[in-house]
PDB file of N, CA and C in Angstrom:
ATOM      1  N   UNK A   1      14.087  -5.478  22.457  1.00  0.00           N
ATOM      2  CA  UNK A   1      14.435  -4.450  21.508  1.00  0.00           C
ATOM      3  C   UNK A   1      13.734  -4.730  20.180  1.00  0.00           C
ATOM      4  N   UNK A   2      13.058  -3.720  19.651  1.00  0.00           N
ATOM      5  CA  UNK A   2      12.344  -3.919  18.398  1.00  0.00           C
ATOM      6  C   UNK A   2      13.280  -3.746  17.212  1.00  0.00           C
ATOM      7  N   UNK A   3      12.941  -4.425  16.139  1.00  0.00           N
ATOM      8  CA  UNK A   3      13.730  -4.361  14.912  1.00  0.00           C
ATOM      9  C   UNK A   3      13.435  -3.036  14.201  1.00  0.00           C
ATOM     10  N   UNK A   4      14.482  -2.334  13.812  1.00  0.00           N
ATOM     11  CA  UNK A   4      14.317  -1.092  13.061  1.00  0.00           C
ATOM     12  C   UNK A   4      14.016  -1.442  11.602  1.00  0.00           C
ATOM     13  N   UNK A   5      13.112  -0.718  10.986  1.00  0.00           N
ATOM     14  CA  UNK A   5      12.824  -0.923   9.573  1.00  0.00           C
ATOM     15  C   UNK A   5      12.497   0.418   8.937  1.00  0.00           C
ATOM     16  N   UNK A   6      12.625   0.481   7.643  1.00  0.00           N
ATOM     17  CA  UNK A   6      12.307   1.696   6.914  1.00  0.00           C
ATOM     18  C   UNK A   6      10.811   1.741   6.670  1.00  0.00           C
ATOM     19  N   UNK A   7      10.140   2.679   7.339  1.00  0.00           N
ATOM     20  CA  UNK A   7       8.690   2.787   7.184  1.00  0.00           C
ATOM     21  C   UNK A   7       8.296   3.820   6.130  1.00  0.00           C
ATOM     22  N   UNK A   8       9.289   4.401   5.470  1.00  0.00           N
ATOM     23  CA  UNK A   8       9.001   5.366   4.417  1.00  0.00           C
ATOM     24  C   UNK A   8       8.724   6.770   4.915  1.00  0.00           C
ATOM     25  N   UNK A   9       8.649   6.961   6.212  1.00  0.00           N
ATOM     26  CA  UNK A   9       8.341   8.284   6.766  1.00  0.00           C
ATOM     27  C   UNK A   9       6.855   8.563   6.729  1.00  0.00           C
ATOM     28  N   UNK A  10       6.469   9.792   7.058  1.00  0.00           N
ATOM     29  CA  UNK A  10       5.048  10.128   7.097  1.00  0.00           C
ATOM     30  C   UNK A  10       4.399  10.055   5.723  1.00  0.00           C
ATOM     31  N   UNK A  11       3.195   9.501   5.653  1.00  0.00           N
ATOM     32  CA  UNK A  11       2.473   9.419   4.386  1.00  0.00           C
ATOM     33  C   UNK A  11       1.866  10.775   4.022  1.00  0.00           C
ATOM     34  N   UNK A  12       1.435  11.519   5.022  1.00  0.00           N
ATOM     35  CA  UNK A  12       0.796  12.809   4.807  1.00  0.00           C
ATOM     36  C   UNK A  12       1.411  13.828   5.758  1.00  0.00           C
ATOM     37  N   UNK A  13       2.675  14.225   5.503  1.00  0.00           N
ATOM     38  CA  UNK A  13       3.333  15.134   6.430  1.00  0.00           C
ATOM     39  C   UNK A  13       2.643  16.494   6.486  1.00  0.00           C
ATOM     40  N   UNK A  14       2.566  17.037   7.686  1.00  0.00           N
ATOM     41  CA  UNK A  14       1.973  18.358   7.867  1.00  0.00           C
ATOM     42  C   UNK A  14       3.048  19.415   7.650  1.00  0.00           C
ATOM     43  N   UNK A  15       2.656  20.517   7.082  1.00  0.00           N
ATOM     44  CA  UNK A  15       3.584  21.618   6.900  1.00  0.00           C
ATOM     45  C   UNK A  15       3.738  22.356   8.232  1.00  0.00           C
ATOM     46  N   UNK A  16       4.947  22.764   8.524  1.00  0.00           N
ATOM     47  CA  UNK A  16       5.190  23.492   9.754  1.00  0.00           C
ATOM     48  C   UNK A  16       5.165  22.598  10.965  1.00  0.00           C
ATOM     49  N   UNK A  17       5.012  23.189  12.101  1.00  0.00           N
ATOM     50  CA  UNK A  17       5.039  22.457  13.368  1.00  0.00           C
ATOM     51  C   UNK A  17       3.743  22.706  14.132  1.00  0.00           C
ATOM     52  N   UNK A  18       2.630  22.664  13.428  1.00  0.00           N
ATOM     53  CA  UNK A  18       1.333  22.998  13.999  1.00  0.00           C
ATOM     54  C   UNK A  18       0.985  22.151  15.216  1.00  0.00           C
ATOM     55  N   UNK A  19       1.216  20.863  15.128  1.00  0.00           N
ATOM     56  CA  UNK A  19       0.834  19.966  16.207  1.00  0.00           C
ATOM     57  C   UNK A  19       2.022  19.429  16.978  1.00  0.00           C
ATOM     58  N   UNK A  20       3.171  19.984  16.780  1.00  0.00           N
ATOM     59  CA  UNK A  20       4.357  19.499  17.467  1.00  0.00           C
ATOM     60  C   UNK A  20       4.830  18.191  16.846  1.00  0.00           C
ATOM     61  N   UNK A  21       5.736  17.530  17.508  1.00  0.00           N
ATOM     62  CA  UNK A  21       6.291  16.284  16.990  1.00  0.00           C
ATOM     63  C   UNK A  21       5.690  15.057  17.656  1.00  0.00           C
ATOM     64  N   UNK A  22       4.661  15.229  18.462  1.00  0.00           N
ATOM     65  CA  UNK A  22       4.103  14.109  19.217  1.00  0.00           C
ATOM     66  C   UNK A  22       3.455  13.068  18.313  1.00  0.00           C
ATOM     67  N   UNK A  23       2.802  13.497  17.239  1.00  0.00           N
ATOM     68  CA  UNK A  23       2.091  12.559  16.380  1.00  0.00           C
ATOM     69  C   UNK A  23       2.289  12.953  14.931  1.00  0.00           C
ATOM     70  N   UNK A  24       3.084  12.182  14.223  1.00  0.00           N
ATOM     71  CA  UNK A  24       3.320  12.473  12.810  1.00  0.00           C
ATOM     72  C   UNK A  24       2.338  11.729  11.923  1.00  0.00           C
ATOM     73  N   UNK A  25       1.476  10.937  12.517  1.00  0.00           N
ATOM     74  CA  UNK A  25       0.448  10.259  11.750  1.00  0.00           C
ATOM     75  C   UNK A  25       0.921   8.968  11.112  1.00  0.00           C
ATOM     76  N   UNK A  26       0.166   8.543  10.133  1.00  0.00           N
ATOM     77  CA  UNK A  26       0.397   7.289   9.434  1.00  0.00           C
ATOM     78  C   UNK A  26       1.699   7.338   8.641  1.00  0.00           C
ATOM     79  N   UNK A  27       2.439   6.237   8.677  1.00  0.00           N
ATOM     80  CA  UNK A  27       3.651   6.162   7.869  1.00  0.00           C
ATOM     81  C   UNK A  27       3.292   5.714   6.459  1.00  0.00           C
ATOM     82  N   UNK A  28       4.226   5.896   5.561  1.00  0.00           N
ATOM     83  CA  UNK A  28       4.019   5.448   4.193  1.00  0.00           C
ATOM     84  C   UNK A  28       3.851   3.928   4.150  1.00  0.00           C
ATOM     85  N   UNK A  29       4.599   3.218   4.988  1.00  0.00           N
ATOM     86  CA  UNK A  29       4.470   1.759   5.067  1.00  0.00           C
ATOM     87  C   UNK A  29       3.043   1.384   5.461  1.00  0.00           C
ATOM     88  N   UNK A  30       2.483   2.070   6.481  1.00  0.00           N
ATOM     89  CA  UNK A  30       1.106   1.793   6.915  1.00  0.00           C
ATOM     90  C   UNK A  30       0.116   2.048   5.784  1.00  0.00           C
ATOM     91  N   UNK A  31       0.335   3.120   5.051  1.00  0.00           N
ATOM     92  CA  UNK A  31      -0.543   3.466   3.937  1.00  0.00           C
ATOM     93  C   UNK A  31      -0.501   2.383   2.856  1.00  0.00           C
ATOM     94  N   UNK A  32       0.722   1.961   2.511  1.00  0.00           N
ATOM     95  CA  UNK A  32       0.863   0.905   1.506  1.00  0.00           C
ATOM     96  C   UNK A  32       0.199  -0.392   1.971  1.00  0.00           C
ATOM     97  N   UNK A  33       0.416  -0.762   3.235  1.00  0.00           N
ATOM     98  CA  UNK A  33      -0.175  -2.003   3.758  1.00  0.00           C
ATOM     99  C   UNK A  33      -1.700  -1.917   3.738  1.00  0.00           C
ATOM    100  N   UNK A  34      -2.245  -0.772   4.122  1.00  0.00           N
ATOM    101  CA  UNK A  34      -3.703  -0.603   4.115  1.00  0.00           C
ATOM    102  C   UNK A  34      -4.262  -0.695   2.702  1.00  0.00           C
ATOM    103  N   UNK A  35      -3.557  -0.094   1.743  1.00  0.00           N
ATOM    104  CA  UNK A  35      -4.006  -0.156   0.349  1.00  0.00           C
ATOM    105  C   UNK A  35      -3.961  -1.592  -0.165  1.00  0.00           C
ATOM    106  N   UNK A  36      -2.897  -2.302   0.156  1.00  0.00           N
ATOM    107  CA  UNK A  36      -2.779  -3.697  -0.276  1.00  0.00           C
ATOM    108  C   UNK A  36      -3.881  -4.548   0.355  1.00  0.00           C
ATOM    109  N   UNK A  37      -4.135  -4.338   1.632  1.00  0.00           N
ATOM    110  CA  UNK A  37      -5.167  -5.101   2.332  1.00  0.00           C
ATOM    111  C   UNK A  37      -6.547  -4.813   1.755  1.00  0.00           C
ATOM    112  N   UNK A  38      -6.805  -3.564   1.434  1.00  0.00           N
ATOM    113  CA  UNK A  38      -8.093  -3.191   0.833  1.00  0.00           C
ATOM    114  C   UNK A  38      -8.292  -3.910  -0.497  1.00  0.00           C
ATOM    115  N   UNK A  39      -7.229  -3.940  -1.304  1.00  0.00           N
ATOM    116  CA  UNK A  39      -7.316  -4.638  -2.583  1.00  0.00           C
ATOM    117  C   UNK A  39      -7.581  -6.126  -2.418  1.00  0.00           C
ATOM    118  N   UNK A  40      -6.887  -6.735  -1.473  1.00  0.00           N
ATOM    119  CA  UNK A  40      -7.070  -8.173  -1.242  1.00  0.00           C
ATOM    120  C   UNK A  40      -8.489  -8.484  -0.779  1.00  0.00           C
ATOM    121  N   UNK A  41      -8.961  -7.700   0.178  1.00  0.00           N
ATOM    122  CA  UNK A  41     -10.265  -7.988   0.770  1.00  0.00           C
ATOM    123  C   UNK A  41     -11.425  -7.650  -0.162  1.00  0.00           C
ATOM    124  N   UNK A  42     -11.168  -6.848  -1.197  1.00  0.00           N
ATOM    125  CA  UNK A  42     -12.237  -6.529  -2.149  1.00  0.00           C
ATOM    126  C   UNK A  42     -12.425  -7.627  -3.186  1.00  0.00           C
ATOM    127  N   UNK A  43     -11.505  -8.589  -3.213  1.00  0.00           N
ATOM    128  CA  UNK A  43     -11.597  -9.702  -4.155  1.00  0.00           C
ATOM    129  C   UNK A  43     -12.613 -10.719  -3.624  1.00  0.00           C
ATOM    130  N   UNK A  44     -13.714 -10.936  -4.340  1.00  0.00           N
ATOM    131  CA  UNK A  44     -14.728 -11.874  -3.843  1.00  0.00           C
ATOM    132  C   UNK A  44     -14.224 -13.324  -3.777  1.00  0.00           C
ATOM    133  N   UNK A  45     -13.142 -13.634  -4.470  1.00  0.00           N
ATOM    134  CA  UNK A  45     -12.594 -14.993  -4.445  1.00  0.00           C
ATOM    135  C   UNK A  45     -11.519 -15.189  -3.384  1.00  0.00           C
ATOM    136  N   UNK A  46     -11.298 -14.169  -2.572  1.00  0.00           N
ATOM    137  CA  UNK A  46     -10.290 -14.241  -1.513  1.00  0.00           C
ATOM    138  C   UNK A  46     -10.765 -15.214  -0.430  1.00  0.00           C
ATOM    139  N   UNK A  47      -9.994 -16.282  -0.208  1.00  0.00           N
ATOM    140  CA  UNK A  47     -10.364 -17.225   0.844  1.00  0.00           C
ATOM    141  C   UNK A  47      -9.328 -17.252   1.975  1.00  0.00           C
ATOM    142  N   UNK A  48      -8.470 -16.211   2.053  1.00  0.00           N
ATOM    143  CA  UNK A  48      -7.477 -16.128   3.122  1.00  0.00           C
ATOM    144  C   UNK A  48      -8.147 -15.717   4.422  1.00  0.00           C
ATOM    145  N   UNK A  49      -7.583 -16.184   5.522  1.00  0.00           N
ATOM    146  CA  UNK A  49      -8.073 -15.673   6.798  1.00  0.00           C
ATOM    147  C   UNK A  49      -7.398 -14.328   7.060  1.00  0.00           C
ATOM    148  N   UNK A  50      -7.819 -13.632   8.103  1.00  0.00           N
ATOM    149  CA  UNK A  50      -7.313 -12.286   8.352  1.00  0.00           C
ATOM    150  C   UNK A  50      -5.809 -12.257   8.617  1.00  0.00           C
ATOM    151  N   UNK A  51      -5.290 -13.269   9.309  1.00  0.00           N
ATOM    152  CA  UNK A  51      -3.850 -13.309   9.567  1.00  0.00           C
ATOM    153  C   UNK A  51      -3.058 -13.435   8.273  1.00  0.00           C
ATOM    154  N   UNK A  52      -3.515 -14.300   7.377  1.00  0.00           N
ATOM    155  CA  UNK A  52      -2.837 -14.447   6.079  1.00  0.00           C
ATOM    156  C   UNK A  52      -2.902 -13.144   5.281  1.00  0.00           C
ATOM    157  N   UNK A  53      -4.060 -12.508   5.272  1.00  0.00           N
ATOM    158  CA  UNK A  53      -4.214 -11.248   4.545  1.00  0.00           C
ATOM    159  C   UNK A  53      -3.284 -10.183   5.100  1.00  0.00           C
ATOM    160  N   UNK A  54      -3.182 -10.101   6.424  1.00  0.00           N
ATOM    161  CA  UNK A  54      -2.302  -9.110   7.052  1.00  0.00           C
ATOM    162  C   UNK A  54      -0.837  -9.381   6.716  1.00  0.00           C
ATOM    163  N   UNK A  55      -0.452 -10.649   6.722  1.00  0.00           N
ATOM    164  CA  UNK A  55       0.937 -10.996   6.400  1.00  0.00           C
ATOM    165  C   UNK A  55       1.265 -10.649   4.954  1.00  0.00           C
ATOM    166  N   UNK A  56       0.351 -10.923   4.053  1.00  0.00           N
ATOM    167  CA  UNK A  56       0.568 -10.610   2.641  1.00  0.00           C
ATOM    168  C   UNK A  56       0.630  -9.100   2.441  1.00  0.00           C
ATOM    169  N   UNK A  57      -0.262  -8.359   3.099  1.00  0.00           N
ATOM    170  CA  UNK A  57      -0.249  -6.900   2.976  1.00  0.00           C
ATOM    171  C   UNK A  57       1.065  -6.324   3.502  1.00  0.00           C
ATOM    172  N   UNK A  58       1.581  -6.876   4.594  1.00  0.00           N
ATOM    173  CA  UNK A  58       2.850  -6.411   5.159  1.00  0.00           C
ATOM    174  C   UNK A  58       4.002  -6.684   4.193  1.00  0.00           C
ATOM    175  N   UNK A  59       3.997  -7.852   3.581  1.00  0.00           N
ATOM    176  CA  UNK A  59       5.054  -8.175   2.602  1.00  0.00           C
ATOM    177  C   UNK A  59       4.971  -7.255   1.387  1.00  0.00           C
ATOM    178  N   UNK A  60       3.758  -6.942   0.959  1.00  0.00           N
ATOM    179  CA  UNK A  60       3.594  -6.032  -0.172  1.00  0.00           C
ATOM    180  C   UNK A  60       4.083  -4.630   0.194  1.00  0.00           C
ATOM    181  N   UNK A  61       3.787  -4.179   1.399  1.00  0.00           N
ATOM    182  CA  UNK A  61       4.259  -2.861   1.840  1.00  0.00           C
ATOM    183  C   UNK A  61       5.782  -2.835   1.888  1.00  0.00           C
ATOM    184  N   UNK A  62       6.400  -3.904   2.399  1.00  0.00           N
ATOM    185  CA  UNK A  62       7.863  -3.991   2.414  1.00  0.00           C
ATOM    186  C   UNK A  62       8.424  -3.896   1.002  1.00  0.00           C
ATOM    187  N   UNK A  63       7.794  -4.613   0.065  1.00  0.00           N
ATOM    188  CA  UNK A  63       8.258  -4.610  -1.322  1.00  0.00           C
ATOM    189  C   UNK A  63       8.101  -3.229  -1.954  1.00  0.00           C
ATOM    190  N   UNK A  64       7.014  -2.546  -1.651  1.00  0.00           N
ATOM    191  CA  UNK A  64       6.807  -1.216  -2.218  1.00  0.00           C
ATOM    192  C   UNK A  64       7.815  -0.211  -1.664  1.00  0.00           C
ATOM    193  N   UNK A  65       8.128  -0.302  -0.382  1.00  0.00           N
ATOM    194  CA  UNK A  65       9.148   0.573   0.213  1.00  0.00           C
ATOM    195  C   UNK A  65      10.503   0.279  -0.430  1.00  0.00           C
ATOM    196  N   UNK A  66      10.841  -0.995  -0.604  1.00  0.00           N
ATOM    197  CA  UNK A  66      12.125  -1.375  -1.208  1.00  0.00           C
ATOM    198  C   UNK A  66      12.221  -0.857  -2.645  1.00  0.00           C
ATOM    199  N   UNK A  67      11.155  -0.995  -3.410  1.00  0.00           N
ATOM    200  CA  UNK A  67      11.160  -0.511  -4.794  1.00  0.00           C
ATOM    201  C   UNK A  67      11.284   1.008  -4.827  1.00  0.00           C
ATOM    202  N   UNK A  68      10.607   1.671  -3.916  1.00  0.00           N
ATOM    203  CA  UNK A  68      10.678   3.133  -3.844  1.00  0.00           C
ATOM    204  C   UNK A  68      12.100   3.592  -3.543  1.00  0.00           C
ATOM    205  N   UNK A  69      12.798   2.866  -2.670  1.00  0.00           N
ATOM    206  CA  UNK A  69      14.186   3.208  -2.338  1.00  0.00           C
ATOM    207  C   UNK A  69      15.070   3.144  -3.579  1.00  0.00           C
ATOM    208  N   UNK A  70      14.826   2.162  -4.448  1.00  0.00           N
ATOM    209  CA  UNK A  70      15.611   2.029  -5.672  1.00  0.00           C
ATOM    210  C   UNK A  70      15.402   3.231  -6.599  1.00  0.00           C
ATOM    211  N   UNK A  71      14.173   3.696  -6.657  1.00  0.00           N
ATOM    212  CA  UNK A  71      13.826   4.757  -7.601  1.00  0.00           C
ATOM    213  C   UNK A  71      14.152   6.146  -7.093  1.00  0.00           C
ATOM    214  N   UNK A  72      14.117   6.343  -5.785  1.00  0.00           N
ATOM    215  CA  UNK A  72      14.315   7.674  -5.205  1.00  0.00           C
ATOM    216  C   UNK A  72      15.528   7.667  -4.287  1.00  0.00           C
ATOM    217  N   UNK A  73      16.680   7.449  -4.842  1.00  0.00           N
ATOM    218  CA  UNK A  73      17.912   7.417  -4.041  1.00  0.00           C
ATOM    219  C   UNK A  73      18.353   8.811  -3.693  1.00  0.00           C
TER     220      UNK A  73
END
């Protein structure tokens, strides 16, 4: 059984039901993690391996979702 977590919902929700409910696309959590990873990897002094970078990006995405929950109750 997988752990449930708040992924923030769709990052770019489509209006209407054009494509059905089969694919809602990227979640807000995925978007935040990708943005964090892009920032980390653009740093020329970054000496983390890919696993470390992914873990840090995931933690940053979790933190951004948590902060967003505080602001948008």
